């Protein structure tokens, strides 16, 4: 199975120490814990030759802490979410993966870990203390690895979380994942085709039908495209190159460039000057004019003027 290596919240979680372990525990317990976020399973201890009574004695003495049934934290409970997620996967078994909001966090779509971890499984385990989803359509390509943790692929994660996101959040998530080359339109189409009755399909299909070769790069672009569709205006090409410059929107039939200027990226003197140099260079090389629309004007109020400009350009 191909694995996607992606850094975690600060890129260092996987290397972070899980904390100090009791010195009198056998070496194999330390070895297991070091590679599993500070956790070990009862099955691992038994397979290593440990007596069940010894395990219970360690629990009583506070050397092991029960996290889930058959899963123990070694020495102390883990507060680091990456380490805690290891325990969730141990509880879920080899056929499980982190899913839902956990997936959004690991793919850096969401910033906050949920209070209750969430997994998906192709097996029958239902560990108490976790949100567990069972899937009969889960395939090997639906599982990736981030920070040493099994997690649903970006496409599968979007399928499972689309209904939790506001429309603008879902649009930004799809495009941001595409922009970071973690998701392709084909991958999204594949997961939809294999789950045709999933409740999120109707939310994701427009992102296939309206997908362009290049994803949008900002919420402002996300807002501009549906605005045009709502008023029956032509759909431009997004983030294509014109005369060697990448432009926000290009209407090829009208030979018109539209730039959407947000204050955050266009407020400096340097950016102001470079923007106008770009506009002039495109005009000089191709004869194609550029219209700049400030962020606050990307709404219904701009439509009459934009319609007039587009019609005159024909």
Protein backbone atom coordinates (compact mmCIF):
# COMPACT_ATOMS: atom_id res chain seq x y z
CA UNK A 1 0.00 0.00 0.00
CA UNK A 2 1.47 3.38 -0.94
CA UNK A 3 1.87 5.62 2.06
CA UNK A 4 1.64 9.38 2.10
CA UNK A 5 4.18 10.95 4.43
CA UNK A 6 2.88 14.24 5.79
CA UNK A 7 4.18 16.11 8.80
CA UNK A 8 1.88 16.68 11.75
CA UNK A 9 0.94 19.91 13.53
CA UNK A 10 4.52 21.09 13.95
CA UNK A 11 6.30 18.36 12.01
CA UNK A 12 7.88 16.82 15.10
CA UNK A 13 5.18 14.77 16.79
CA UNK A 14 6.46 11.44 15.56
CA UNK A 15 9.91 12.10 17.02
CA UNK A 16 8.59 13.47 20.29
CA UNK A 17 9.25 11.39 23.34
CA UNK A 18 6.26 9.63 24.83
CA UNK A 19 7.58 10.39 28.27
CA UNK A 20 9.61 8.38 30.77
CA UNK A 21 8.63 4.76 31.36
CA UNK A 22 8.98 2.89 34.67
CA UNK A 23 12.55 1.63 34.86
CA UNK A 24 11.58 -1.77 36.23
CA UNK A 25 9.37 -2.71 33.28
CA UNK A 26 10.81 -5.33 30.91
CA UNK A 27 12.62 -4.07 27.83
CA UNK A 28 9.99 -5.39 25.46
CA UNK A 29 7.34 -3.22 27.13
CA UNK A 30 9.51 -0.15 26.57
CA UNK A 31 10.07 -1.17 22.95
CA UNK A 32 6.38 -1.55 22.25
CA UNK A 33 5.54 1.72 23.98
CA UNK A 34 8.25 3.71 22.21
CA UNK A 35 6.78 2.87 18.81
CA UNK A 36 3.13 3.22 19.81
CA UNK A 37 2.86 6.61 21.41
CA UNK A 38 3.60 5.29 24.90
CA UNK A 39 1.09 2.42 24.71
CA UNK A 40 1.10 -1.35 24.75
CA UNK A 41 -1.65 -3.92 24.31
CA UNK A 42 -2.51 -6.81 26.56
CA UNK A 43 -2.06 -9.16 23.61
CA UNK A 44 1.48 -7.88 23.03
CA UNK A 45 2.40 -8.40 26.67
CA UNK A 46 0.94 -11.91 26.71
CA UNK A 47 2.64 -12.82 23.45
CA UNK A 48 5.94 -11.69 24.98
CA UNK A 49 5.44 -14.22 27.76
CA UNK A 50 4.01 -12.05 30.52
CA UNK A 51 1.67 -13.61 33.04
CA UNK A 52 -1.85 -12.09 33.19
CA UNK A 53 -1.47 -11.63 36.97
CA UNK A 54 1.67 -9.56 36.40
CA UNK A 55 -0.25 -7.29 34.06
CA UNK A 56 -2.94 -6.76 36.70
CA UNK A 57 -0.27 -6.09 39.32
CA UNK A 58 1.31 -3.42 37.12
CA UNK A 59 -2.08 -1.83 36.67
CA UNK A 60 -2.64 -1.82 40.43
CA UNK A 61 0.77 -0.24 41.02
CA UNK A 62 0.21 2.51 38.45
CA UNK A 63 2.80 1.27 35.99
CA UNK A 64 0.10 0.62 33.40
CA UNK A 65 -3.05 2.68 32.89
CA UNK A 66 -6.06 1.26 31.07
CA UNK A 67 -7.00 3.52 28.15
CA UNK A 68 -9.28 1.17 26.21
CA UNK A 69 -10.08 -2.47 26.67
CA UNK A 70 -6.79 -4.32 26.26
CA UNK A 71 -4.80 -1.12 25.65
CA UNK A 72 -2.57 0.44 28.32
CA UNK A 73 -0.55 3.62 28.64
CA UNK A 74 2.88 2.85 30.04
CA UNK A 75 3.90 4.94 33.05
CA UNK A 76 1.33 7.72 32.59
CA UNK A 77 -1.64 8.70 30.47
CA UNK A 78 -0.76 10.51 27.25
CA UNK A 79 -1.93 14.09 26.72
CA UNK A 80 -0.32 14.54 23.30
CA UNK A 81 -3.08 13.87 20.73
CA UNK A 82 -0.72 12.08 18.34
CA UNK A 83 0.24 9.65 21.10
CA UNK A 84 -3.38 9.27 22.19
CA UNK A 85 -4.31 8.45 18.59
CA UNK A 86 -1.90 5.50 18.68
CA UNK A 87 -3.97 4.03 21.50
CA UNK A 88 -7.17 4.45 19.48
CA UNK A 89 -5.66 2.49 16.59
CA UNK A 90 -4.43 -0.24 18.92
CA UNK A 91 -7.95 -0.54 20.29
CA UNK A 92 -9.44 -0.61 16.79
CA UNK A 93 -7.08 -3.24 15.49
CA UNK A 94 -5.11 -3.62 12.28
CA UNK A 95 -8.15 -3.06 10.07
CA UNK A 96 -8.92 0.36 11.55
CA UNK A 97 -7.81 3.90 10.73
CA UNK A 98 -8.35 7.32 12.19
CA UNK A 99 -11.26 9.00 10.46
CA UNK A 100 -13.70 11.89 10.48
CA UNK A 101 -12.48 14.97 12.32
CA UNK A 102 -9.24 13.17 13.20
CA UNK A 103 -8.62 12.84 9.47
CA UNK A 104 -9.32 16.53 8.91
CA UNK A 105 -6.75 17.39 11.57
CA UNK A 106 -4.08 15.07 10.24
CA UNK A 107 -4.55 16.40 6.70
CA UNK A 108 -4.38 19.96 8.12
CA UNK A 109 -7.88 20.92 7.06
CA UNK A 110 -8.97 21.29 10.69
CA UNK A 111 -6.84 22.66 13.51
CA UNK A 112 -8.33 21.19 16.70
CA UNK A 113 -8.43 17.56 17.76
CA UNK A 114 -11.87 16.35 18.86
CA UNK A 115 -12.47 15.45 22.48
CA UNK A 116 -13.46 11.92 21.43
CA UNK A 117 -11.27 10.24 18.83
CA UNK A 118 -12.87 8.72 15.77
CA UNK A 119 -11.94 5.61 13.79
CA UNK A 120 -13.29 3.67 10.85
CA UNK A 121 -12.92 -0.08 10.57
CA UNK A 122 -13.53 -2.90 8.15
CA UNK A 123 -13.65 -5.27 11.11
CA UNK A 124 -16.04 -5.92 13.95
CA UNK A 125 -14.36 -4.19 16.90
CA UNK A 126 -16.34 -1.50 18.72
CA UNK A 127 -14.00 -0.15 21.43
CA UNK A 128 -15.81 1.80 24.14
CA UNK A 129 -14.66 5.41 24.41
CA UNK A 130 -14.21 5.90 20.66
CA UNK A 131 -16.53 6.98 17.87
CA UNK A 132 -16.46 3.93 15.60
CA UNK A 133 -17.72 3.69 12.02
CA UNK A 134 -17.88 0.40 10.18
CA UNK A 135 -17.43 0.37 6.41
CA UNK A 136 -17.82 -2.49 3.96
CA UNK A 137 -16.39 -0.41 1.09
CA UNK A 138 -13.09 0.49 2.75
CA UNK A 139 -10.17 -0.48 0.50
CA UNK A 140 -6.43 -0.40 0.95
CA UNK A 141 -6.17 2.78 -1.13
CA UNK A 142 -8.53 4.49 1.33
CA UNK A 143 -5.88 4.25 4.05
CA UNK A 144 -2.75 6.39 4.20
CA UNK A 145 -0.22 7.09 6.91
CA UNK A 146 0.56 10.41 8.59
CA UNK A 147 2.97 10.75 11.53
CA UNK A 148 3.06 6.98 11.84
CA UNK A 149 -0.73 6.81 12.16
CA UNK A 150 -3.17 5.06 9.84
CA UNK A 151 -5.73 7.57 8.61
CA UNK A 152 -8.34 7.69 5.89
CA UNK A 153 -7.13 9.17 2.62
CA UNK A 154 -8.01 12.79 1.84
CA UNK A 155 -10.77 11.64 -0.53
CA UNK A 156 -12.28 9.23 1.99
CA UNK A 157 -11.94 11.83 4.77
CA UNK A 158 -13.94 14.33 2.71
CA UNK A 159 -16.61 11.72 2.03
CA UNK A 160 -16.97 11.07 5.76
CA UNK A 161 -16.95 14.72 6.85
CA UNK A 162 -18.62 16.67 4.02
CA UNK A 163 -21.90 17.02 5.94
CA UNK A 164 -20.08 18.46 8.96
CA UNK A 165 -18.52 21.28 6.96
CA UNK A 166 -20.20 24.44 5.81
CA UNK A 167 -20.32 24.71 1.98
CA UNK A 168 -17.51 27.26 1.92
CA UNK A 169 -15.39 25.09 4.22
CA UNK A 170 -15.88 22.05 2.01
CA UNK A 171 -14.98 24.02 -1.11
CA UNK A 172 -11.83 25.33 0.52
CA UNK A 173 -10.90 21.86 1.82
CA UNK A 174 -11.20 20.25 -1.63
CA UNK A 175 -9.18 22.97 -3.31
CA UNK A 176 -6.55 23.24 -0.59
CA UNK A 177 -5.93 19.48 -0.65
CA UNK A 178 -5.65 19.61 -4.43
CA UNK A 179 -3.32 22.59 -4.17
CA UNK A 180 -1.05 20.66 -1.80
CA UNK A 181 -1.13 17.68 -4.19
CA UNK A 182 -2.74 15.45 -1.59
CA UNK A 183 -5.94 14.97 -3.57
CA UNK A 184 -6.81 14.57 -7.23
CA UNK A 185 -10.16 14.86 -8.96
CA UNK A 186 -9.80 11.20 -10.02
CA UNK A 187 -9.35 10.11 -6.40
CA UNK A 188 -12.46 11.99 -5.37
CA UNK A 189 -14.39 10.47 -8.28
CA UNK A 190 -13.21 7.00 -7.30
CA UNK A 191 -14.39 7.21 -3.69
CA UNK A 192 -17.75 8.63 -4.80
CA UNK A 193 -18.23 5.86 -7.37
CA UNK A 194 -17.59 3.20 -4.74
CA UNK A 195 -20.00 4.78 -2.24
CA UNK A 196 -22.93 5.91 -4.42
CA UNK A 197 -25.49 5.84 -1.59
CA UNK A 198 -23.35 7.74 0.90
CA UNK A 199 -25.13 10.83 2.21
CA UNK A 200 -22.20 13.08 1.25
CA UNK A 201 -22.20 12.21 -2.45
CA UNK A 202 -24.60 15.03 -3.39
CA UNK A 203 -22.30 17.51 -1.65
CA UNK A 204 -19.14 16.26 -3.34
CA UNK A 205 -20.40 15.74 -6.89
CA UNK A 206 -20.36 19.45 -7.77
CA UNK A 207 -16.65 19.45 -6.97
CA UNK A 208 -16.22 16.90 -9.74
CA UNK A 209 -18.60 18.41 -12.25
CA UNK A 210 -17.24 21.95 -11.85
CA UNK A 211 -13.59 21.03 -11.28
CA UNK A 212 -10.99 22.86 -13.35
CA UNK A 213 -7.44 21.72 -14.12
CA UNK A 214 -6.15 24.15 -11.50
CA UNK A 215 -7.74 24.46 -8.04
CA UNK A 216 -8.73 27.76 -6.53
CA UNK A 217 -6.18 29.34 -4.23
CA UNK A 218 -8.30 31.50 -1.96
CA UNK A 219 -11.75 31.87 -0.42
CA UNK A 220 -12.20 34.91 -2.67
CA UNK A 221 -11.87 32.74 -5.78
CA UNK A 222 -14.23 30.22 -4.16
CA UNK A 223 -16.80 33.01 -3.82
CA UNK A 224 -16.32 34.42 -7.32
CA UNK A 225 -17.12 31.27 -9.32
CA UNK A 226 -20.57 30.49 -7.82
CA UNK A 227 -21.41 34.20 -8.05
CA UNK A 228 -20.89 34.03 -11.81
CA UNK A 229 -22.88 30.80 -12.14
CA UNK A 230 -25.76 32.23 -10.10
CA UNK A 231 -26.10 35.12 -12.55
CA UNK A 232 -25.60 33.07 -15.70
CA UNK A 233 -22.23 34.58 -16.58
CA UNK A 234 -19.52 32.52 -18.31
CA UNK A 235 -17.11 30.52 -16.17
CA UNK A 236 -13.51 31.68 -16.50
CA UNK A 237 -10.37 29.59 -16.39
CA UNK A 238 -8.88 29.79 -12.91
CA UNK A 239 -5.19 30.24 -12.11
CA UNK A 240 -3.98 29.86 -15.67
CA UNK A 241 -1.00 31.62 -17.19
CA UNK A 242 -1.44 34.54 -19.55
CA UNK A 243 1.71 36.02 -21.11
CA UNK A 244 3.77 34.19 -18.49
CA UNK A 245 1.79 35.45 -15.50
CA UNK A 246 -0.58 33.36 -13.39
CA UNK A 247 -3.89 35.19 -13.21
CA UNK A 248 -6.88 34.64 -10.95
CA UNK A 249 -9.45 34.36 -13.75
CA UNK A 250 -9.26 34.45 -17.53
CA UNK A 251 -12.25 34.66 -19.88
CA UNK A 252 -10.77 33.31 -23.15
CA UNK A 253 -13.75 34.11 -25.39
CA UNK A 254 -13.85 37.70 -24.15
CA UNK A 255 -10.03 37.92 -23.88
CA UNK A 256 -10.32 39.43 -20.43
CA UNK A 257 -8.33 38.90 -17.23
CA UNK A 258 -9.99 39.45 -13.87
CA UNK A 259 -7.88 39.76 -10.73
CA UNK A 260 -9.51 39.42 -7.31
CA UNK A 261 -7.65 41.62 -4.87
CA UNK A 262 -7.84 40.71 -1.22
CA UNK A 263 -6.37 43.18 1.23
CA UNK A 264 -4.10 40.59 2.85
CA UNK A 265 -1.98 39.89 -0.23
CA UNK A 266 -2.25 43.22 -2.05
CA UNK A 267 -1.86 45.85 0.66
CA UNK A 268 1.89 46.53 0.37
CA UNK A 269 3.47 49.12 -1.88
CA UNK A 270 5.58 46.43 -3.51
CA UNK A 271 2.53 44.31 -4.33
CA UNK A 272 0.64 47.35 -5.61
CA UNK A 273 3.45 48.20 -8.00
CA UNK A 274 3.98 44.60 -9.14
CA UNK A 275 0.27 44.16 -9.83
CA UNK A 276 0.22 47.12 -12.17
CA UNK A 277 3.42 46.07 -13.89
CA UNK A 278 1.84 42.69 -14.53
CA UNK A 279 -1.33 44.24 -15.94
CA UNK A 280 0.71 46.45 -18.26
CA UNK A 281 2.95 43.59 -19.39
CA UNK A 282 -0.03 41.37 -20.25
CA UNK A 283 -1.68 44.21 -22.16
CA UNK A 284 1.56 45.00 -24.03
CA UNK A 285 2.22 41.38 -25.01
CA UNK A 286 -1.29 40.22 -25.85
CA UNK A 287 -3.63 43.21 -25.94
CA UNK A 288 -5.66 41.54 -23.15
CA UNK A 289 -6.86 44.02 -20.49
CA UNK A 290 -7.06 43.28 -16.78
CA UNK A 291 -9.95 44.23 -14.51
CA UNK A 292 -9.22 44.27 -10.79
CA UNK A 293 -12.10 43.65 -8.39
CA UNK A 294 -11.47 44.39 -4.71
CA UNK A 295 -12.57 41.82 -2.19
CA UNK A 296 -15.47 43.86 -0.84
CA UNK A 297 -16.96 44.11 -4.34
CA UNK A 298 -17.09 40.36 -5.03
CA UNK A 299 -20.85 40.20 -4.54
CA UNK A 300 -24.12 40.69 -6.43
CA UNK A 301 -23.47 44.41 -6.75
CA UNK A 302 -20.61 43.94 -9.20
CA UNK A 303 -22.67 41.84 -11.63
CA UNK A 304 -24.18 44.68 -13.77
CA UNK A 305 -20.75 46.21 -14.42
CA UNK A 306 -19.08 42.85 -15.01
CA UNK A 307 -21.84 41.78 -17.38
CA UNK A 308 -21.40 45.00 -19.35
CA UNK A 309 -17.63 44.51 -19.58
CA UNK A 310 -17.93 40.88 -20.66
CA UNK A 311 -20.54 41.71 -23.30
CA UNK A 312 -18.50 44.57 -24.72
CA UNK A 313 -15.46 42.30 -24.95
CA UNK A 314 -17.21 39.91 -27.34
